[in-house]
């Protein structure tokens, strides 16, 4: 679960292999997610 407000700077830290890069890659759908929902400006991410 993560929310980011307009104008906010969120720095994600953690050990290697903790899922940080995958998190980013799901936000622009370079990686599809298995379940849950990601919304940008209130709208779910499009599939294709």
ModelCIF file with pLDDT and N, C-alpha, C, O atoms, coordinates in Angstrom:
data_MODEL
#
_entry.id   MODEL 
#
_entity.id                         1 
_entity.type                       polymer 
_entity.pdbx_number_of_molecules   1 
#
_entity_poly.entity_id                      1 
_entity_poly.type                           'polypeptide(L)' 
_entity_poly.nstd_linkage                   no 
_entity_poly.nstd_monomer                   no 
_entity_poly.pdbx_seq_one_letter_code       
;(UNK)(UNK)(UNK)(UNK)(UNK)(UNK)(UNK)(UNK)(UNK)(UNK)(UNK)(UNK)(UNK)(UNK)(UNK)(UNK)
(UNK)(UNK)(UNK)(UNK)(UNK)(UNK)(UNK)(UNK)(UNK)(UNK)(UNK)(UNK)(UNK)(UNK)(UNK)(UNK)
(UNK)(UNK)(UNK)(UNK)(UNK)(UNK)(UNK)(UNK)(UNK)(UNK)(UNK)(UNK)(UNK)(UNK)(UNK)(UNK)
;
_entity_poly.pdbx_seq_one_letter_code_can   XXXXXXXXXXXXXXXXXXXXXXXXXXXXXXXXXXXXXXXXXXXXXXXX 
_entity_poly.pdbx_strand_id                 A 
#
loop_
_entity_poly_seq.entity_id 
_entity_poly_seq.num 
_entity_poly_seq.mon_id 
_entity_poly_seq.hetero 
1 1  UNK n 
1 2  UNK n 
1 3  UNK n 
1 4  UNK n 
1 5  UNK n 
1 6  UNK n 
1 7  UNK n 
1 8  UNK n 
1 9  UNK n 
1 10 UNK n 
1 11 UNK n 
1 12 UNK n 
1 13 UNK n 
1 14 UNK n 
1 15 UNK n 
1 16 UNK n 
1 17 UNK n 
1 18 UNK n 
1 19 UNK n 
1 20 UNK n 
1 21 UNK n 
1 22 UNK n 
1 23 UNK n 
1 24 UNK n 
1 25 UNK n 
1 26 UNK n 
1 27 UNK n 
1 28 UNK n 
1 29 UNK n 
1 30 UNK n 
1 31 UNK n 
1 32 UNK n 
1 33 UNK n 
1 34 UNK n 
1 35 UNK n 
1 36 UNK n 
1 37 UNK n 
1 38 UNK n 
1 39 UNK n 
1 40 UNK n 
1 41 UNK n 
1 42 UNK n 
1 43 UNK n 
1 44 UNK n 
1 45 UNK n 
1 46 UNK n 
1 47 UNK n 
1 48 UNK n 
#
_struct_asym.id          A 
_struct_asym.entity_id   1 
#
loop_
_ma_qa_metric.id 
_ma_qa_metric.mode 
_ma_qa_metric.name 
_ma_qa_metric.software_group_id 
_ma_qa_metric.type 
1 global pLDDT . pLDDT 
2 local  pLDDT . pLDDT 
#
_ma_qa_metric_global.metric_id      1 
_ma_qa_metric_global.metric_value   90.88 
_ma_qa_metric_global.model_id       1 
_ma_qa_metric_global.ordinal_id     1 
#
loop_
_ma_qa_metric_local.label_asym_id 
_ma_qa_metric_local.label_comp_id 
_ma_qa_metric_local.label_seq_id 
_ma_qa_metric_local.metric_id 
_ma_qa_metric_local.metric_value 
_ma_qa_metric_local.model_id 
_ma_qa_metric_local.ordinal_id 
A UNK 1  2 96.00 1 1  
A UNK 2  2 96.00 1 2  
A UNK 3  2 96.00 1 3  
A UNK 4  2 96.00 1 4  
A UNK 5  2 96.00 1 5  
A UNK 6  2 95.00 1 6  
A UNK 7  2 95.00 1 7  
A UNK 8  2 96.00 1 8  
A UNK 9  2 97.00 1 9  
A UNK 10 2 97.00 1 10 
A UNK 11 2 97.00 1 11 
A UNK 12 2 97.00 1 12 
A UNK 13 2 95.00 1 13 
A UNK 14 2 93.00 1 14 
A UNK 15 2 90.00 1 15 
A UNK 16 2 87.00 1 16 
A UNK 17 2 86.00 1 17 
A UNK 18 2 90.00 1 18 
A UNK 19 2 91.00 1 19 
A UNK 20 2 93.00 1 20 
A UNK 21 2 92.00 1 21 
A UNK 22 2 94.00 1 22 
A UNK 23 2 94.00 1 23 
A UNK 24 2 92.00 1 24 
A UNK 25 2 90.00 1 25 
A UNK 26 2 92.00 1 26 
A UNK 27 2 91.00 1 27 
A UNK 28 2 84.00 1 28 
A UNK 29 2 85.00 1 29 
A UNK 30 2 86.00 1 30 
A UNK 31 2 90.00 1 31 
A UNK 32 2 90.00 1 32 
A UNK 33 2 92.00 1 33 
A UNK 34 2 93.00 1 34 
A UNK 35 2 93.00 1 35 
A UNK 36 2 95.00 1 36 
A UNK 37 2 93.00 1 37 
A UNK 38 2 93.00 1 38 
A UNK 39 2 92.00 1 39 
A UNK 40 2 91.00 1 40 
A UNK 41 2 90.00 1 41 
A UNK 42 2 90.00 1 42 
A UNK 43 2 87.00 1 43 
A UNK 44 2 86.00 1 44 
A UNK 45 2 82.00 1 45 
A UNK 46 2 78.00 1 46 
A UNK 47 2 75.00 1 47 
A UNK 48 2 73.00 1 48 
#
loop_
_atom_site.group_PDB 
_atom_site.id 
_atom_site.type_symbol 
_atom_site.label_atom_id 
_atom_site.label_alt_id 
_atom_site.label_comp_id 
_atom_site.label_asym_id 
_atom_site.label_entity_id 
_atom_site.label_seq_id 
_atom_site.pdbx_PDB_ins_code 
_atom_site.Cartn_x 
_atom_site.Cartn_y 
_atom_site.Cartn_z 
_atom_site.occupancy 
_atom_site.B_iso_or_equiv 
_atom_site.pdbx_formal_charge 
_atom_site.auth_seq_id 
_atom_site.auth_comp_id 
_atom_site.auth_asym_id 
_atom_site.auth_atom_id 
_atom_site.pdbx_PDB_model_num 
ATOM 1   N N  . UNK A 1 1  ? 0.865  -1.184  0.000   1.00 96.00 ? 1  UNK A N  1 
ATOM 2   C CA . UNK A 1 1  ? 0.000  0.000   0.000   1.00 96.00 ? 1  UNK A CA 1 
ATOM 3   C C  . UNK A 1 1  ? 0.900  1.231   0.000   1.00 96.00 ? 1  UNK A C  1 
ATOM 4   O O  . UNK A 1 1  ? 1.796  1.359   0.834   1.00 96.00 ? 1  UNK A O  1 
ATOM 5   N N  . UNK A 1 2  ? 0.651  2.130   -0.942  1.00 96.00 ? 2  UNK A N  1 
ATOM 6   C CA . UNK A 1 2  ? 1.456  3.358   -0.995  1.00 96.00 ? 2  UNK A CA 1 
ATOM 7   C C  . UNK A 1 2  ? 0.636  4.450   -1.661  1.00 96.00 ? 2  UNK A C  1 
ATOM 8   O O  . UNK A 1 2  ? -0.012 4.218   -2.682  1.00 96.00 ? 2  UNK A O  1 
ATOM 9   N N  . UNK A 1 3  ? 0.668  5.634   -1.080  1.00 96.00 ? 3  UNK A N  1 
ATOM 10  C CA . UNK A 1 3  ? 0.063  6.802   -1.725  1.00 96.00 ? 3  UNK A CA 1 
ATOM 11  C C  . UNK A 1 3  ? 1.129  7.876   -1.867  1.00 96.00 ? 3  UNK A C  1 
ATOM 12  O O  . UNK A 1 3  ? 1.958  8.069   -0.977  1.00 96.00 ? 3  UNK A O  1 
ATOM 13  N N  . UNK A 1 4  ? 1.097  8.578   -3.005  1.00 96.00 ? 4  UNK A N  1 
ATOM 14  C CA . UNK A 1 4  ? 2.027  9.680   -3.245  1.00 96.00 ? 4  UNK A CA 1 
ATOM 15  C C  . UNK A 1 4  ? 1.200  10.887  -3.669  1.00 96.00 ? 4  UNK A C  1 
ATOM 16  O O  . UNK A 1 4  ? 0.424  10.822  -4.622  1.00 96.00 ? 4  UNK A O  1 
ATOM 17  N N  . UNK A 1 5  ? 1.379  11.984  -2.949  1.00 96.00 ? 5  UNK A N  1 
ATOM 18  C CA . UNK A 1 5  ? 0.630  13.204  -3.246  1.00 96.00 ? 5  UNK A CA 1 
ATOM 19  C C  . UNK A 1 5  ? 1.333  14.026  -4.318  1.00 96.00 ? 5  UNK A C  1 
ATOM 20  O O  . UNK A 1 5  ? 2.542  13.891  -4.504  1.00 96.00 ? 5  UNK A O  1 
ATOM 21  N N  . UNK A 1 6  ? 0.587  14.886  -5.032  1.00 95.00 ? 6  UNK A N  1 
ATOM 22  C CA . UNK A 1 6  ? 1.227  15.770  -6.011  1.00 95.00 ? 6  UNK A CA 1 
ATOM 23  C C  . UNK A 1 6  ? 2.311  16.622  -5.333  1.00 95.00 ? 6  UNK A C  1 
ATOM 24  O O  . UNK A 1 6  ? 2.092  17.188  -4.262  1.00 95.00 ? 6  UNK A O  1 
ATOM 25  N N  . UNK A 1 7  ? 3.468  16.700  -5.969  1.00 95.00 ? 7  UNK A N  1 
ATOM 26  C CA . UNK A 1 7  ? 4.566  17.502  -5.441  1.00 95.00 ? 7  UNK A CA 1 
ATOM 27  C C  . UNK A 1 7  ? 5.388  16.823  -4.357  1.00 95.00 ? 7  UNK A C  1 
ATOM 28  O O  . UNK A 1 7  ? 6.337  17.411  -3.838  1.00 95.00 ? 7  UNK A O  1 
ATOM 29  N N  . UNK A 1 8  ? 5.034  15.590  -4.012  1.00 96.00 ? 8  UNK A N  1 
ATOM 30  C CA . UNK A 1 8  ? 5.752  14.890  -2.947  1.00 96.00 ? 8  UNK A CA 1 
ATOM 31  C C  . UNK A 1 8  ? 6.973  14.162  -3.518  1.00 96.00 ? 8  UNK A C  1 
ATOM 32  O O  . UNK A 1 8  ? 6.948  13.673  -4.648  1.00 96.00 ? 8  UNK A O  1 
ATOM 33  N N  . UNK A 1 9  ? 8.036  14.100  -2.719  1.00 97.00 ? 9  UNK A N  1 
ATOM 34  C CA . UNK A 1 9  ? 9.225  13.331  -3.078  1.00 97.00 ? 9  UNK A CA 1 
ATOM 35  C C  . UNK A 1 9  ? 9.342  12.167  -2.095  1.00 97.00 ? 9  UNK A C  1 
ATOM 36  O O  . UNK A 1 9  ? 9.553  12.362  -0.898  1.00 97.00 ? 9  UNK A O  1 
ATOM 37  N N  . UNK A 1 10 ? 9.200  10.954  -2.628  1.00 97.00 ? 10 UNK A N  1 
ATOM 38  C CA . UNK A 1 10 ? 9.268  9.751   -1.798  1.00 97.00 ? 10 UNK A CA 1 
ATOM 39  C C  . UNK A 1 10 ? 10.541 8.997   -2.183  1.00 97.00 ? 10 UNK A C  1 
ATOM 40  O O  . UNK A 1 10 ? 10.728 8.638   -3.346  1.00 97.00 ? 10 UNK A O  1 
ATOM 41  N N  . UNK A 1 11 ? 11.407 8.761   -1.209  1.00 97.00 ? 11 UNK A N  1 
ATOM 42  C CA . UNK A 1 11 ? 12.629 7.998   -1.457  1.00 97.00 ? 11 UNK A CA 1 
ATOM 43  C C  . UNK A 1 11 ? 12.445 6.606   -0.866  1.00 97.00 ? 11 UNK A C  1 
ATOM 44  O O  . UNK A 1 11 ? 12.154 6.454   0.320   1.00 97.00 ? 11 UNK A O  1 
ATOM 45  N N  . UNK A 1 12 ? 12.618 5.593   -1.713  1.00 97.00 ? 12 UNK A N  1 
ATOM 46  C CA . UNK A 1 12 ? 12.429 4.200   -1.298  1.00 97.00 ? 12 UNK A CA 1 
ATOM 47  C C  . UNK A 1 12 ? 13.803 3.582   -1.048  1.00 97.00 ? 12 UNK A C  1 
ATOM 48  O O  . UNK A 1 12 ? 14.662 3.561   -1.930  1.00 97.00 ? 12 UNK A O  1 
ATOM 49  N N  . UNK A 1 13 ? 13.991 3.082   0.167   1.00 95.00 ? 13 UNK A N  1 
ATOM 50  C CA . UNK A 1 13 ? 15.278 2.477   0.535   1.00 95.00 ? 13 UNK A CA 1 
ATOM 51  C C  . UNK A 1 13 ? 15.035 1.056   1.029   1.00 95.00 ? 13 UNK A C  1 
ATOM 52  O O  . UNK A 1 13 ? 13.908 0.672   1.344   1.00 95.00 ? 13 UNK A O  1 
ATOM 53  N N  . UNK A 1 14 ? 16.113 0.292   1.088   1.00 93.00 ? 14 UNK A N  1 
ATOM 54  C CA . UNK A 1 14 ? 16.017 -1.076  1.578   1.00 93.00 ? 14 UNK A CA 1 
ATOM 55  C C  . UNK A 1 14 ? 17.108 -1.921  0.960   1.00 93.00 ? 14 UNK A C  1 
ATOM 56  O O  . UNK A 1 14 ? 17.752 -1.503  -0.003  1.00 93.00 ? 14 UNK A O  1 
ATOM 57  N N  . UNK A 1 15 ? 17.324 -3.117  1.508   1.00 90.00 ? 15 UNK A N  1 
ATOM 58  C CA . UNK A 1 15 ? 18.390 -3.979  0.989   1.00 90.00 ? 15 UNK A CA 1 
ATOM 59  C C  . UNK A 1 15 ? 18.114 -4.440  -0.434  1.00 90.00 ? 15 UNK A C  1 
ATOM 60  O O  . UNK A 1 15 ? 16.977 -4.379  -0.903  1.00 90.00 ? 15 UNK A O  1 
ATOM 61  N N  . UNK A 1 16 ? 19.154 -4.900  -1.120  1.00 87.00 ? 16 UNK A N  1 
ATOM 62  C CA . UNK A 1 16 ? 18.978 -5.446  -2.470  1.00 87.00 ? 16 UNK A CA 1 
ATOM 63  C C  . UNK A 1 16 ? 17.991 -6.600  -2.423  1.00 87.00 ? 16 UNK A C  1 
ATOM 64  O O  . UNK A 1 16 ? 17.980 -7.389  -1.478  1.00 87.00 ? 16 UNK A O  1 
ATOM 65  N N  . UNK A 1 17 ? 17.158 -6.687  -3.462  1.00 86.00 ? 17 UNK A N  1 
ATOM 66  C CA . UNK A 1 17 ? 16.200 -7.781  -3.529  1.00 86.00 ? 17 UNK A CA 1 
ATOM 67  C C  . UNK A 1 17 ? 14.964 -7.574  -2.682  1.00 86.00 ? 17 UNK A C  1 
ATOM 68  O O  . UNK A 1 17 ? 14.196 -8.513  -2.472  1.00 86.00 ? 17 UNK A O  1 
ATOM 69  N N  . UNK A 1 18 ? 14.750 -6.337  -2.179  1.00 90.00 ? 18 UNK A N  1 
ATOM 70  C CA . UNK A 1 18 ? 13.596 -6.111  -1.305  1.00 90.00 ? 18 UNK A CA 1 
ATOM 71  C C  . UNK A 1 18 ? 12.332 -5.764  -2.083  1.00 90.00 ? 18 UNK A C  1 
ATOM 72  O O  . UNK A 1 18 ? 11.253 -5.659  -1.500  1.00 90.00 ? 18 UNK A O  1 
ATOM 73  N N  . UNK A 1 19 ? 12.461 -5.583  -3.414  1.00 91.00 ? 19 UNK A N  1 
ATOM 74  C CA . UNK A 1 19 ? 11.274 -5.304  -4.232  1.00 91.00 ? 19 UNK A CA 1 
ATOM 75  C C  . UNK A 1 19 ? 11.176 -3.865  -4.715  1.00 91.00 ? 19 UNK A C  1 
ATOM 76  O O  . UNK A 1 19 ? 10.183 -3.481  -5.333  1.00 91.00 ? 19 UNK A O  1 
ATOM 77  N N  . UNK A 1 20 ? 12.208 -3.067  -4.435  1.00 93.00 ? 20 UNK A N  1 
ATOM 78  C CA . UNK A 1 20 ? 12.139 -1.631  -4.756  1.00 93.00 ? 20 UNK A CA 1 
ATOM 79  C C  . UNK A 1 20 ? 11.994 -1.385  -6.259  1.00 93.00 ? 20 UNK A C  1 
ATOM 80  O O  . UNK A 1 20 ? 11.113 -0.637  -6.681  1.00 93.00 ? 20 UNK A O  1 
ATOM 81  N N  . UNK A 1 21 ? 12.858 -2.014  -7.070  1.00 92.00 ? 21 UNK A N  1 
ATOM 82  C CA . UNK A 1 21 ? 12.790 -1.793  -8.525  1.00 92.00 ? 21 UNK A CA 1 
ATOM 83  C C  . UNK A 1 21 ? 11.496 -2.335  -9.111  1.00 92.00 ? 21 UNK A C  1 
ATOM 84  O O  . UNK A 1 21 ? 10.911 -1.727  -10.007 1.00 92.00 ? 21 UNK A O  1 
ATOM 85  N N  . UNK A 1 22 ? 11.048 -3.487  -8.600  1.00 94.00 ? 22 UNK A N  1 
ATOM 86  C CA . UNK A 1 22 ? 9.792  -4.061  -9.094  1.00 94.00 ? 22 UNK A CA 1 
ATOM 87  C C  . UNK A 1 22 ? 8.633  -3.114  -8.797  1.00 94.00 ? 22 UNK A C  1 
ATOM 88  O O  . UNK A 1 22 ? 7.731  -2.951  -9.620  1.00 94.00 ? 22 UNK A O  1 
ATOM 89  N N  . UNK A 1 23 ? 8.660  -2.490  -7.619  1.00 94.00 ? 23 UNK A N  1 
ATOM 90  C CA . UNK A 1 23 ? 7.639  -1.496  -7.271  1.00 94.00 ? 23 UNK A CA 1 
ATOM 91  C C  . UNK A 1 23 ? 7.540  -0.429  -8.361  1.00 94.00 ? 23 UNK A C  1 
ATOM 92  O O  . UNK A 1 23 ? 6.453  -0.130  -8.854  1.00 94.00 ? 23 UNK A O  1 
ATOM 93  N N  . UNK A 1 24 ? 8.686  0.140   -8.731  1.00 92.00 ? 24 UNK A N  1 
ATOM 94  C CA . UNK A 1 24 ? 8.700  1.168   -9.781  1.00 92.00 ? 24 UNK A CA 1 
ATOM 95  C C  . UNK A 1 24 ? 8.173  0.628   -11.103 1.00 92.00 ? 24 UNK A C  1 
ATOM 96  O O  . UNK A 1 24 ? 7.397  1.287   -11.795 1.00 92.00 ? 24 UNK A O  1 
ATOM 97  N N  . UNK A 1 25 ? 8.603  -0.571  -11.437 1.00 90.00 ? 25 UNK A N  1 
ATOM 98  C CA . UNK A 1 25 ? 8.252  -1.125  -12.750 1.00 90.00 ? 25 UNK A CA 1 
ATOM 99  C C  . UNK A 1 25 ? 6.765  -1.470  -12.860 1.00 90.00 ? 25 UNK A C  1 
ATOM 100 O O  . UNK A 1 25 ? 6.220  -1.531  -13.962 1.00 90.00 ? 25 UNK A O  1 
ATOM 101 N N  . UNK A 1 26 ? 6.112  -1.694  -11.716 1.00 92.00 ? 26 UNK A N  1 
ATOM 102 C CA . UNK A 1 26 ? 4.666  -1.926  -11.787 1.00 92.00 ? 26 UNK A CA 1 
ATOM 103 C C  . UNK A 1 26 ? 3.902  -0.617  -11.993 1.00 92.00 ? 26 UNK A C  1 
ATOM 104 O O  . UNK A 1 26 ? 2.803  -0.620  -12.548 1.00 92.00 ? 26 UNK A O  1 
ATOM 105 N N  . UNK A 1 27 ? 4.481  0.495   -11.549 1.00 91.00 ? 27 UNK A N  1 
ATOM 106 C CA . UNK A 1 27 ? 3.762  1.774   -11.626 1.00 91.00 ? 27 UNK A CA 1 
ATOM 107 C C  . UNK A 1 27 ? 3.643  2.257   -13.074 1.00 91.00 ? 27 UNK A C  1 
ATOM 108 O O  . UNK A 1 27 ? 2.663  2.916   -13.422 1.00 91.00 ? 27 UNK A O  1 
ATOM 109 N N  . UNK A 1 28 ? 4.634  1.936   -13.926 1.00 84.00 ? 28 UNK A N  1 
ATOM 110 C CA . UNK A 1 28 ? 4.412  2.284   -15.344 1.00 84.00 ? 28 UNK A CA 1 
ATOM 111 C C  . UNK A 1 28 ? 4.165  1.038   -16.199 1.00 84.00 ? 28 UNK A C  1 
ATOM 112 O O  . UNK A 1 28 ? 4.318  1.047   -17.421 1.00 84.00 ? 28 UNK A O  1 
ATOM 113 N N  . UNK A 1 29 ? 3.777  -0.034  -15.501 1.00 85.00 ? 29 UNK A N  1 
ATOM 114 C CA . UNK A 1 29 ? 3.341  -1.286  -16.140 1.00 85.00 ? 29 UNK A CA 1 
ATOM 115 C C  . UNK A 1 29 ? 4.414  -1.933  -17.005 1.00 85.00 ? 29 UNK A C  1 
ATOM 116 O O  . UNK A 1 29 ? 4.093  -2.642  -17.959 1.00 85.00 ? 29 UNK A O  1 
ATOM 117 N N  . UNK A 1 30 ? 5.686  -1.699  -16.683 1.00 86.00 ? 30 UNK A N  1 
ATOM 118 C CA . UNK A 1 30 ? 6.737  -2.529  -17.282 1.00 86.00 ? 30 UNK A CA 1 
ATOM 119 C C  . UNK A 1 30 ? 6.602  -3.946  -16.730 1.00 86.00 ? 30 UNK A C  1 
ATOM 120 O O  . UNK A 1 30 ? 7.024  -4.914  -17.363 1.00 86.00 ? 30 UNK A O  1 
ATOM 121 N N  . UNK A 1 31 ? 6.002  -4.054  -15.529 1.00 90.00 ? 31 UNK A N  1 
ATOM 122 C CA . UNK A 1 31 ? 5.666  -5.356  -14.949 1.00 90.00 ? 31 UNK A CA 1 
ATOM 123 C C  . UNK A 1 31 ? 4.180  -5.354  -14.600 1.00 90.00 ? 31 UNK A C  1 
ATOM 124 O O  . UNK A 1 31 ? 3.724  -4.462  -13.885 1.00 90.00 ? 31 UNK A O  1 
ATOM 125 N N  . UNK A 1 32 ? 3.411  -6.335  -15.087 1.00 90.00 ? 32 UNK A N  1 
ATOM 126 C CA . UNK A 1 32 ? 2.009  -6.436  -14.662 1.00 90.00 ? 32 UNK A CA 1 
ATOM 127 C C  . UNK A 1 32 ? 1.940  -6.939  -13.222 1.00 90.00 ? 32 UNK A C  1 
ATOM 128 O O  . UNK A 1 32 ? 2.842  -7.638  -12.761 1.00 90.00 ? 32 UNK A O  1 
ATOM 129 N N  . UNK A 1 33 ? 0.874  -6.583  -12.517 1.00 92.00 ? 33 UNK A N  1 
ATOM 130 C CA . UNK A 1 33 ? 0.722  -7.064  -11.146 1.00 92.00 ? 33 UNK A CA 1 
ATOM 131 C C  . UNK A 1 33 ? -0.223 -8.266  -11.129 1.00 92.00 ? 33 UNK A C  1 
ATOM 132 O O  . UNK A 1 33 ? -1.023 -8.451  -12.046 1.00 92.00 ? 33 UNK A O  1 
ATOM 133 N N  . UNK A 1 34 ? -0.120 -9.082  -10.071 1.00 93.00 ? 34 UNK A N  1 
ATOM 134 C CA . UNK A 1 34 ? -0.984 -10.267 -9.947  1.00 93.00 ? 34 UNK A CA 1 
ATOM 135 C C  . UNK A 1 34 ? -2.335 -9.911  -9.341  1.00 93.00 ? 34 UNK A C  1 
ATOM 136 O O  . UNK A 1 34 ? -3.374 -10.382 -9.804  1.00 93.00 ? 34 UNK A O  1 
ATOM 137 N N  . UNK A 1 35 ? -2.315 -9.077  -8.303  1.00 93.00 ? 35 UNK A N  1 
ATOM 138 C CA . UNK A 1 35 ? -3.579 -8.558  -7.805  1.00 93.00 ? 35 UNK A CA 1 
ATOM 139 C C  . UNK A 1 35 ? -3.337 -7.267  -7.040  1.00 93.00 ? 35 UNK A C  1 
ATOM 140 O O  . UNK A 1 35 ? -2.200 -6.845  -6.828  1.00 93.00 ? 35 UNK A O  1 
ATOM 141 N N  . UNK A 1 36 ? -4.458 -6.645  -6.627  1.00 95.00 ? 36 UNK A N  1 
ATOM 142 C CA . UNK A 1 36 ? -4.378 -5.300  -6.072  1.00 95.00 ? 36 UNK A CA 1 
ATOM 143 C C  . UNK A 1 36 ? -4.730 -4.295  -7.164  1.00 95.00 ? 36 UNK A C  1 
ATOM 144 O O  . UNK A 1 36 ? -5.114 -4.671  -8.271  1.00 95.00 ? 36 UNK A O  1 
ATOM 145 N N  . UNK A 1 37 ? -4.595 -3.025  -6.838  1.00 93.00 ? 37 UNK A N  1 
ATOM 146 C CA . UNK A 1 37 ? -4.921 -1.991  -7.824  1.00 93.00 ? 37 UNK A CA 1 
ATOM 147 C C  . UNK A 1 37 ? -3.922 -0.844  -7.698  1.00 93.00 ? 37 UNK A C  1 
ATOM 148 O O  . UNK A 1 37 ? -3.506 -0.479  -6.599  1.00 93.00 ? 37 UNK A O  1 
ATOM 149 N N  . UNK A 1 38 ? -3.548 -0.285  -8.848  1.00 93.00 ? 38 UNK A N  1 
ATOM 150 C CA . UNK A 1 38 ? -2.694 0.906   -8.889  1.00 93.00 ? 38 UNK A CA 1 
ATOM 151 C C  . UNK A 1 38 ? -3.474 1.966   -9.643  1.00 93.00 ? 38 UNK A C  1 
ATOM 152 O O  . UNK A 1 38 ? -3.931 1.732   -10.761 1.00 93.00 ? 38 UNK A O  1 
ATOM 153 N N  . UNK A 1 39 ? -3.626 3.138   -9.027  1.00 92.00 ? 39 UNK A N  1 
ATOM 154 C CA . UNK A 1 39 ? -4.347 4.235   -9.676  1.00 92.00 ? 39 UNK A CA 1 
ATOM 155 C C  . UNK A 1 39 ? -3.436 5.439   -9.843  1.00 92.00 ? 39 UNK A C  1 
ATOM 156 O O  . UNK A 1 39 ? -2.649 5.772   -8.957  1.00 92.00 ? 39 UNK A O  1 
ATOM 157 N N  . UNK A 1 40 ? -3.558 6.084   -10.994 1.00 91.00 ? 40 UNK A N  1 
ATOM 158 C CA . UNK A 1 40 ? -2.890 7.360   -11.241 1.00 91.00 ? 40 UNK A CA 1 
ATOM 159 C C  . UNK A 1 40 ? -3.989 8.382   -11.457 1.00 91.00 ? 40 UNK A C  1 
ATOM 160 O O  . UNK A 1 40 ? -4.843 8.218   -12.328 1.00 91.00 ? 40 UNK A O  1 
ATOM 161 N N  . UNK A 1 41 ? -3.961 9.446   -10.650 1.00 90.00 ? 41 UNK A N  1 
ATOM 162 C CA . UNK A 1 41 ? -5.022 10.461  -10.687 1.00 90.00 ? 41 UNK A CA 1 
ATOM 163 C C  . UNK A 1 41 ? -6.410 9.830   -10.550 1.00 90.00 ? 41 UNK A C  1 
ATOM 164 O O  . UNK A 1 41 ? -7.368 10.250  -11.198 1.00 90.00 ? 41 UNK A O  1 
ATOM 165 N N  . UNK A 1 42 ? -6.492 8.812   -9.690  1.00 90.00 ? 42 UNK A N  1 
ATOM 166 C CA . UNK A 1 42 ? -7.782 8.207   -9.392  1.00 90.00 ? 42 UNK A CA 1 
ATOM 167 C C  . UNK A 1 42 ? -8.238 7.139   -10.368 1.00 90.00 ? 42 UNK A C  1 
ATOM 168 O O  . UNK A 1 42 ? -9.254 6.484   -10.139 1.00 90.00 ? 42 UNK A O  1 
ATOM 169 N N  . UNK A 1 43 ? -7.495 6.954   -11.460 1.00 87.00 ? 43 UNK A N  1 
ATOM 170 C CA . UNK A 1 43 ? -7.909 5.973   -12.476 1.00 87.00 ? 43 UNK A CA 1 
ATOM 171 C C  . UNK A 1 43 ? -6.980 4.762   -12.455 1.00 87.00 ? 43 UNK A C  1 
ATOM 172 O O  . UNK A 1 43 ? -5.762 4.924   -12.395 1.00 87.00 ? 43 UNK A O  1 
ATOM 173 N N  . UNK A 1 44 ? -7.539 3.545   -12.505 1.00 86.00 ? 44 UNK A N  1 
ATOM 174 C CA . UNK A 1 44 ? -6.684 2.353   -12.554 1.00 86.00 ? 44 UNK A CA 1 
ATOM 175 C C  . UNK A 1 44 ? -5.789 2.380   -13.797 1.00 86.00 ? 44 UNK A C  1 
ATOM 176 O O  . UNK A 1 44 ? -6.185 2.889   -14.845 1.00 86.00 ? 44 UNK A O  1 
ATOM 177 N N  . UNK A 1 45 ? -4.591 1.834   -13.667 1.00 82.00 ? 45 UNK A N  1 
ATOM 178 C CA . UNK A 1 45 ? -3.668 1.807   -14.800 1.00 82.00 ? 45 UNK A CA 1 
ATOM 179 C C  . UNK A 1 45 ? -4.263 0.998   -15.946 1.00 82.00 ? 45 UNK A C  1 
ATOM 180 O O  . UNK A 1 45 ? -4.833 -0.069  -15.715 1.00 82.00 ? 45 UNK A O  1 
ATOM 181 N N  . UNK A 1 46 ? -4.140 1.490   -17.181 1.00 78.00 ? 46 UNK A N  1 
ATOM 182 C CA . UNK A 1 46 ? -4.643 0.727   -18.333 1.00 78.00 ? 46 UNK A CA 1 
ATOM 183 C C  . UNK A 1 46 ? -3.773 -0.498  -18.610 1.00 78.00 ? 46 UNK A C  1 
ATOM 184 O O  . UNK A 1 46 ? -2.607 -0.546  -18.216 1.00 78.00 ? 46 UNK A O  1 
ATOM 185 N N  . UNK A 1 47 ? -4.350 -1.481  -19.290 1.00 75.00 ? 47 UNK A N  1 
ATOM 186 C CA . UNK A 1 47 ? -3.636 -2.725  -19.566 1.00 75.00 ? 47 UNK A CA 1 
ATOM 187 C C  . UNK A 1 47 ? -2.783 -2.656  -20.820 1.00 75.00 ? 47 UNK A C  1 
ATOM 188 O O  . UNK A 1 47 ? -1.681 -3.203  -20.849 1.00 75.00 ? 47 UNK A O  1 
ATOM 189 N N  . UNK A 1 48 ? -3.274 -1.997  -21.848 1.00 73.00 ? 48 UNK A N  1 
ATOM 190 C CA . UNK A 1 48 ? -2.564 -2.074  -23.132 1.00 73.00 ? 48 UNK A CA 1 
ATOM 191 C C  . UNK A 1 48 ? -3.003 -0.944  -24.052 1.00 73.00 ? 48 UNK A C  1 
ATOM 192 O O  . UNK A 1 48 ? -2.518 -0.840  -25.178 1.00 73.00 ? 48 UNK A O  1 
#
